[in-house]
Amino acid sequence: MAKTCEICGKGTLKAAKRTFSNKKIDNVQSPNIQEIRVLDKNGHAVRKCVCTSCLRAGKVQKAI
């Protein structure tokens, strides 16, 4: 499954954790991506990878 949202384009972030002794540890943060069936512009059901923030915001309409 892809790690980017097909609606908003949200993808993985690379961050650095810092310990008490100031060591740098690479950390990858990925969004919560769900593969669901959504309705496209023509009314057909299509599978897309969508982040949960887009689902909660109502940017896509789920297909039943």
PDB file of N, CA and C in Angstrom:
ATOM      1  N   MET A   1       0.837  -1.167   0.000  1.00  0.00           N
ATOM      2  CA  MET A   1       0.000   0.000   0.000  1.00  0.00           C
ATOM      3  C   MET A   1       0.893   1.244   0.000  1.00  0.00           C
ATOM      4  N   ALA A   2       0.464   2.265  -0.706  1.00  0.00           N
ATOM      5  CA  ALA A   2       1.235   3.498  -0.779  1.00  0.00           C
ATOM      6  C   ALA A   2       1.217   4.231   0.554  1.00  0.00           C
ATOM      7  N   LYS A   3       2.240   5.030   0.804  1.00  0.00           N
ATOM      8  CA  LYS A   3       2.319   5.774   2.054  1.00  0.00           C
ATOM      9  C   LYS A   3       1.990   7.242   1.858  1.00  0.00           C
ATOM     10  N   THR A   4       1.276   7.564   0.778  1.00  0.00           N
ATOM     11  CA  THR A   4       0.823   8.926   0.563  1.00  0.00           C
ATOM     12  C   THR A   4      -0.676   8.921   0.302  1.00  0.00           C
ATOM     13  N   CYS A   5      -1.323   9.989   0.741  1.00  0.00           N
ATOM     14  CA  CYS A   5      -2.760  10.145   0.526  1.00  0.00           C
ATOM     15  C   CYS A   5      -2.986  10.624  -0.899  1.00  0.00           C
ATOM     16  N   GLU A   6      -3.933  10.016  -1.599  1.00  0.00           N
ATOM     17  CA  GLU A   6      -4.215  10.397  -2.976  1.00  0.00           C
ATOM     18  C   GLU A   6      -5.088  11.645  -3.055  1.00  0.00           C
ATOM     19  N   ILE A   7      -5.631  12.099  -1.936  1.00  0.00           N
ATOM     20  CA  ILE A   7      -6.484  13.285  -1.926  1.00  0.00           C
ATOM     21  C   ILE A   7      -5.674  14.532  -1.587  1.00  0.00           C
ATOM     22  N   CYS A   8      -4.994  14.516  -0.453  1.00  0.00           N
ATOM     23  CA  CYS A   8      -4.281  15.720  -0.012  1.00  0.00           C
ATOM     24  C   CYS A   8      -2.780  15.647  -0.236  1.00  0.00           C
ATOM     25  N   GLY A   9      -2.234  14.475  -0.527  1.00  0.00           N
ATOM     26  CA  GLY A   9      -0.807  14.347  -0.789  1.00  0.00           C
ATOM     27  C   GLY A   9       0.051  14.213   0.455  1.00  0.00           C
ATOM     28  N   LYS A  10      -0.578  13.993   1.604  1.00  0.00           N
ATOM     29  CA  LYS A  10       0.188  13.845   2.844  1.00  0.00           C
ATOM     30  C   LYS A  10       1.027  12.578   2.776  1.00  0.00           C
ATOM     31  N   GLY A  11       2.298  12.692   3.143  1.00  0.00           N
ATOM     32  CA  GLY A  11       3.208  11.563   3.057  1.00  0.00           C
ATOM     33  C   GLY A  11       4.020  11.390   4.327  1.00  0.00           C
ATOM     34  N   THR A  12       5.072  10.594   4.231  1.00  0.00           N
ATOM     35  CA  THR A  12       5.897  10.320   5.394  1.00  0.00           C
ATOM     36  C   THR A  12       6.754  11.531   5.747  1.00  0.00           C
ATOM     37  N   LEU A  13       7.060  11.658   7.036  1.00  0.00           N
ATOM     38  CA  LEU A  13       7.918  12.717   7.543  1.00  0.00           C
ATOM     39  C   LEU A  13       9.151  12.087   8.151  1.00  0.00           C
ATOM     40  N   LYS A  14      10.276  12.729   7.945  1.00  0.00           N
ATOM     41  CA  LYS A  14      11.505  12.260   8.568  1.00  0.00           C
ATOM     42  C   LYS A  14      11.842  13.218   9.700  1.00  0.00           C
ATOM     43  N   ALA A  15      11.974  12.670  10.891  1.00  0.00           N
ATOM     44  CA  ALA A  15      12.261  13.482  12.063  1.00  0.00           C
ATOM     45  C   ALA A  15      13.465  12.893  12.784  1.00  0.00           C
ATOM     46  N   ALA A  16      14.005  13.640  13.720  1.00  0.00           N
ATOM     47  CA  ALA A  16      15.152  13.175  14.490  1.00  0.00           C
ATOM     48  C   ALA A  16      14.791  13.188  15.965  1.00  0.00           C
ATOM     49  N   LYS A  17      14.837  12.013  16.589  1.00  0.00           N
ATOM     50  CA  LYS A  17      14.667  11.946  18.029  1.00  0.00           C
ATOM     51  C   LYS A  17      15.983  12.346  18.681  1.00  0.00           C
ATOM     52  N   ARG A  18      15.911  13.048  19.778  1.00  0.00           N
ATOM     53  CA  ARG A  18      17.108  13.448  20.516  1.00  0.00           C
ATOM     54  C   ARG A  18      17.056  12.849  21.909  1.00  0.00           C
ATOM     55  N   THR A  19      18.133  12.203  22.307  1.00  0.00           N
ATOM     56  CA  THR A  19      18.207  11.617  23.636  1.00  0.00           C
ATOM     57  C   THR A  19      18.702  12.666  24.625  1.00  0.00           C
ATOM     58  N   PHE A  20      18.805  12.274  25.884  1.00  0.00           N
ATOM     59  CA  PHE A  20      19.286  13.192  26.922  1.00  0.00           C
ATOM     60  C   PHE A  20      20.732  13.601  26.650  1.00  0.00           C
ATOM     61  N   SER A  21      21.519  12.686  26.077  1.00  0.00           N
ATOM     62  CA  SER A  21      22.909  13.005  25.746  1.00  0.00           C
ATOM     63  C   SER A  21      23.044  13.647  24.370  1.00  0.00           C
ATOM     64  N   ASN A  22      21.899  14.051  23.770  1.00  0.00           N
ATOM     65  CA  ASN A  22      21.831  14.772  22.498  1.00  0.00           C
ATOM     66  C   ASN A  22      22.287  13.924  21.313  1.00  0.00           C
ATOM     67  N   LYS A  23      22.109  12.609  21.385  1.00  0.00           N
ATOM     68  CA  LYS A  23      22.347  11.754  20.222  1.00  0.00           C
ATOM     69  C   LYS A  23      21.163  11.888  19.273  1.00  0.00           C
ATOM     70  N   LYS A  24      21.446  11.820  17.970  1.00  0.00           N
ATOM     71  CA  LYS A  24      20.394  11.931  16.963  1.00  0.00           C
ATOM     72  C   LYS A  24      20.016  10.541  16.483  1.00  0.00           C
ATOM     73  N   ILE A  25      18.734  10.211  16.566  1.00  0.00           N
ATOM     74  CA  ILE A  25      18.214   8.937  16.102  1.00  0.00           C
ATOM     75  C   ILE A  25      17.160   9.242  15.044  1.00  0.00           C
ATOM     76  N   ASP A  26      17.351   8.704  13.822  1.00  0.00           N
ATOM     77  CA  ASP A  26      16.394   8.957  12.746  1.00  0.00           C
ATOM     78  C   ASP A  26      15.081   8.246  13.037  1.00  0.00           C
ATOM     79  N   ASN A  27      13.997   8.936  12.775  1.00  0.00           N
ATOM     80  CA  ASN A  27      12.668   8.404  13.025  1.00  0.00           C
ATOM     81  C   ASN A  27      11.788   8.773  11.832  1.00  0.00           C
ATOM     82  N   VAL A  28      11.002   7.812  11.334  1.00  0.00           N
ATOM     83  CA  VAL A  28      10.104   8.046  10.210  1.00  0.00           C
ATOM     84  C   VAL A  28       8.674   7.982  10.725  1.00  0.00           C
ATOM     85  N   GLN A  29       7.914   9.048  10.477  1.00  0.00           N
ATOM     86  CA  GLN A  29       6.520   9.109  10.889  1.00  0.00           C
ATOM     87  C   GLN A  29       5.648   9.018   9.651  1.00  0.00           C
ATOM     88  N   SER A  30       4.747   8.046   9.634  1.00  0.00           N
ATOM     89  CA  SER A  30       3.879   7.880   8.465  1.00  0.00           C
ATOM     90  C   SER A  30       2.436   8.162   8.862  1.00  0.00           C
ATOM     91  N   PRO A  31       1.638   8.732   7.957  1.00  0.00           N
ATOM     92  CA  PRO A  31       0.240   9.028   8.262  1.00  0.00           C
ATOM     93  C   PRO A  31      -0.592   7.751   8.272  1.00  0.00           C
ATOM     94  N   ASN A  32      -1.766   7.849   8.864  1.00  0.00           N
ATOM     95  CA  ASN A  32      -2.686   6.718   8.930  1.00  0.00           C
ATOM     96  C   ASN A  32      -3.427   6.634   7.603  1.00  0.00           C
ATOM     97  N   ILE A  33      -2.955   5.757   6.718  1.00  0.00           N
ATOM     98  CA  ILE A  33      -3.507   5.604   5.375  1.00  0.00           C
ATOM     99  C   ILE A  33      -4.411   4.367   5.334  1.00  0.00           C
ATOM    100  N   GLN A  34      -5.616   4.551   4.816  1.00  0.00           N
ATOM    101  CA  GLN A  34      -6.571   3.459   4.673  1.00  0.00           C
ATOM    102  C   GLN A  34      -6.908   3.299   3.198  1.00  0.00           C
ATOM    103  N   GLU A  35      -6.961   2.051   2.738  1.00  0.00           N
ATOM    104  CA  GLU A  35      -7.365   1.790   1.349  1.00  0.00           C
ATOM    105  C   GLU A  35      -8.856   1.499   1.358  1.00  0.00           C
ATOM    106  N   ILE A  36      -9.647   2.426   0.818  1.00  0.00           N
ATOM    107  CA  ILE A  36     -11.101   2.291   0.841  1.00  0.00           C
ATOM    108  C   ILE A  36     -11.660   2.497  -0.564  1.00  0.00           C
ATOM    109  N   ARG A  37     -12.924   2.132  -0.718  1.00  0.00           N
ATOM    110  CA  ARG A  37     -13.623   2.361  -1.980  1.00  0.00           C
ATOM    111  C   ARG A  37     -14.335   3.698  -1.890  1.00  0.00           C
ATOM    112  N   VAL A  38     -14.055   4.586  -2.828  1.00  0.00           N
ATOM    113  CA  VAL A  38     -14.683   5.910  -2.855  1.00  0.00           C
ATOM    114  C   VAL A  38     -15.382   6.103  -4.191  1.00  0.00           C
ATOM    115  N   LEU A  39     -16.316   7.024  -4.211  1.00  0.00           N
ATOM    116  CA  LEU A  39     -17.016   7.354  -5.449  1.00  0.00           C
ATOM    117  C   LEU A  39     -16.236   8.430  -6.186  1.00  0.00           C
ATOM    118  N   ASP A  40     -15.988   8.211  -7.491  1.00  0.00           N
ATOM    119  CA  ASP A  40     -15.297   9.229  -8.284  1.00  0.00           C
ATOM    120  C   ASP A  40     -16.328  10.191  -8.874  1.00  0.00           C
ATOM    121  N   LYS A  41     -15.900  11.055  -9.768  1.00  0.00           N
ATOM    122  CA  LYS A  41     -16.777  12.087 -10.322  1.00  0.00           C
ATOM    123  C   LYS A  41     -17.916  11.504 -11.150  1.00  0.00           C
ATOM    124  N   ASN A  42     -17.683  10.341 -11.771  1.00  0.00           N
ATOM    125  CA  ASN A  42     -18.716   9.717 -12.604  1.00  0.00           C
ATOM    126  C   ASN A  42     -19.679   8.861 -11.799  1.00  0.00           C
ATOM    127  N   GLY A  43     -19.418   8.692 -10.499  1.00  0.00           N
ATOM    128  CA  GLY A  43     -20.288   7.876  -9.665  1.00  0.00           C
ATOM    129  C   GLY A  43     -19.863   6.426  -9.584  1.00  0.00           C
ATOM    130  N   HIS A  44     -18.682   6.090 -10.104  1.00  0.00           N
ATOM    131  CA  HIS A  44     -18.176   4.725 -10.046  1.00  0.00           C
ATOM    132  C   HIS A  44     -17.353   4.536  -8.782  1.00  0.00           C
ATOM    133  N   ALA A  45     -17.322   3.312  -8.280  1.00  0.00           N
ATOM    134  CA  ALA A  45     -16.537   2.993  -7.084  1.00  0.00           C
ATOM    135  C   ALA A  45     -15.097   2.685  -7.492  1.00  0.00           C
ATOM    136  N   VAL A  46     -14.151   3.345  -6.837  1.00  0.00           N
ATOM    137  CA  VAL A  46     -12.728   3.186  -7.137  1.00  0.00           C
ATOM    138  C   VAL A  46     -11.989   3.032  -5.813  1.00  0.00           C
ATOM    139  N   ARG A  47     -10.980   2.153  -5.772  1.00  0.00           N
ATOM    140  CA  ARG A  47     -10.160   2.007  -4.574  1.00  0.00           C
ATOM    141  C   ARG A  47      -9.089   3.093  -4.557  1.00  0.00           C
ATOM    142  N   LYS A  48      -8.980   3.780  -3.407  1.00  0.00           N
ATOM    143  CA  LYS A  48      -7.966   4.811  -3.242  1.00  0.00           C
ATOM    144  C   LYS A  48      -7.363   4.704  -1.851  1.00  0.00           C
ATOM    145  N   CYS A  49      -6.129   5.187  -1.729  1.00  0.00           N
ATOM    146  CA  CYS A  49      -5.459   5.266  -0.440  1.00  0.00           C
ATOM    147  C   CYS A  49      -5.683   6.663   0.107  1.00  0.00           C
ATOM    148  N   VAL A  50      -6.416   6.745   1.227  1.00  0.00           N
ATOM    149  CA  VAL A  50      -6.838   8.022   1.785  1.00  0.00           C
ATOM    150  C   VAL A  50      -6.434   8.079   3.249  1.00  0.00           C
ATOM    151  N   CYS A  51      -5.944   9.249   3.706  1.00  0.00           N
ATOM    152  CA  CYS A  51      -5.600   9.391   5.121  1.00  0.00           C
ATOM    153  C   CYS A  51      -6.882   9.603   5.931  1.00  0.00           C
ATOM    154  N   THR A  52      -6.813   9.293   7.206  1.00  0.00           N
ATOM    155  CA  THR A  52      -7.999   9.365   8.054  1.00  0.00           C
ATOM    156  C   THR A  52      -8.443  10.803   8.292  1.00  0.00           C
ATOM    157  N   SER A  53      -7.539  11.766   8.193  1.00  0.00           N
ATOM    158  CA  SER A  53      -7.958  13.157   8.363  1.00  0.00           C
ATOM    159  C   SER A  53      -8.842  13.606   7.202  1.00  0.00           C
ATOM    160  N   CYS A  54      -8.586  13.114   5.994  1.00  0.00           N
ATOM    161  CA  CYS A  54      -9.460  13.407   4.855  1.00  0.00           C
ATOM    162  C   CYS A  54     -10.810  12.717   5.012  1.00  0.00           C
ATOM    163  N   LEU A  55     -10.813  11.518   5.570  1.00  0.00           N
ATOM    164  CA  LEU A  55     -12.074  10.812   5.807  1.00  0.00           C
ATOM    165  C   LEU A  55     -12.926  11.561   6.819  1.00  0.00           C
ATOM    166  N   ARG A  56     -12.323  12.014   7.914  1.00  0.00           N
ATOM    167  CA  ARG A  56     -13.077  12.730   8.946  1.00  0.00           C
ATOM    168  C   ARG A  56     -13.555  14.093   8.465  1.00  0.00           C
ATOM    169  N   ALA A  57     -12.767  14.730   7.599  1.00  0.00           N
ATOM    170  CA  ALA A  57     -13.131  16.056   7.093  1.00  0.00           C
ATOM    171  C   ALA A  57     -14.222  15.978   6.024  1.00  0.00           C
ATOM    172  N   GLY A  58     -14.492  14.800   5.499  1.00  0.00           N
ATOM    173  CA  GLY A  58     -15.528  14.649   4.487  1.00  0.00           C
ATOM    174  C   GLY A  58     -15.078  15.024   3.094  1.00  0.00           C
ATOM    175  N   LYS A  59     -13.779  14.927   2.815  1.00  0.00           N
ATOM    176  CA  LYS A  59     -13.267  15.277   1.489  1.00  0.00           C
ATOM    177  C   LYS A  59     -13.566  14.199   0.463  1.00  0.00           C
ATOM    178  N   VAL A  60     -13.881  12.983   0.913  1.00  0.00           N
ATOM    179  CA  VAL A  60     -14.233  11.886  -0.001  1.00  0.00           C
ATOM    180  C   VAL A  60     -15.558  11.292   0.453  1.00  0.00           C
ATOM    181  N   GLN A  61     -16.247  10.658  -0.477  1.00  0.00           N
ATOM    182  CA  GLN A  61     -17.501   9.993  -0.166  1.00  0.00           C
ATOM    183  C   GLN A  61     -17.301   8.495  -0.321  1.00  0.00           C
ATOM    184  N   LYS A  62     -17.543   7.745   0.740  1.00  0.00           N
ATOM    185  CA  LYS A  62     -17.367   6.294   0.699  1.00  0.00           C
ATOM    186  C   LYS A  62     -18.408   5.657  -0.213  1.00  0.00           C
ATOM    187  N   ALA A  63     -17.998   4.614  -0.911  1.00  0.00           N
ATOM    188  CA  ALA A  63     -18.914   3.828  -1.734  1.00  0.00           C
ATOM    189  C   ALA A  63     -19.432   2.669  -0.899  1.00  0.00           C
ATOM    190  N   ILE A  64     -20.684   2.375  -1.034  1.00  0.00           N
ATOM    191  CA  ILE A  64     -21.279   1.281  -0.240  1.00  0.00           C
ATOM    192  C   ILE A  64     -21.374   0.031  -1.073  1.00  0.00           C
TER     193      ILE A  64
END
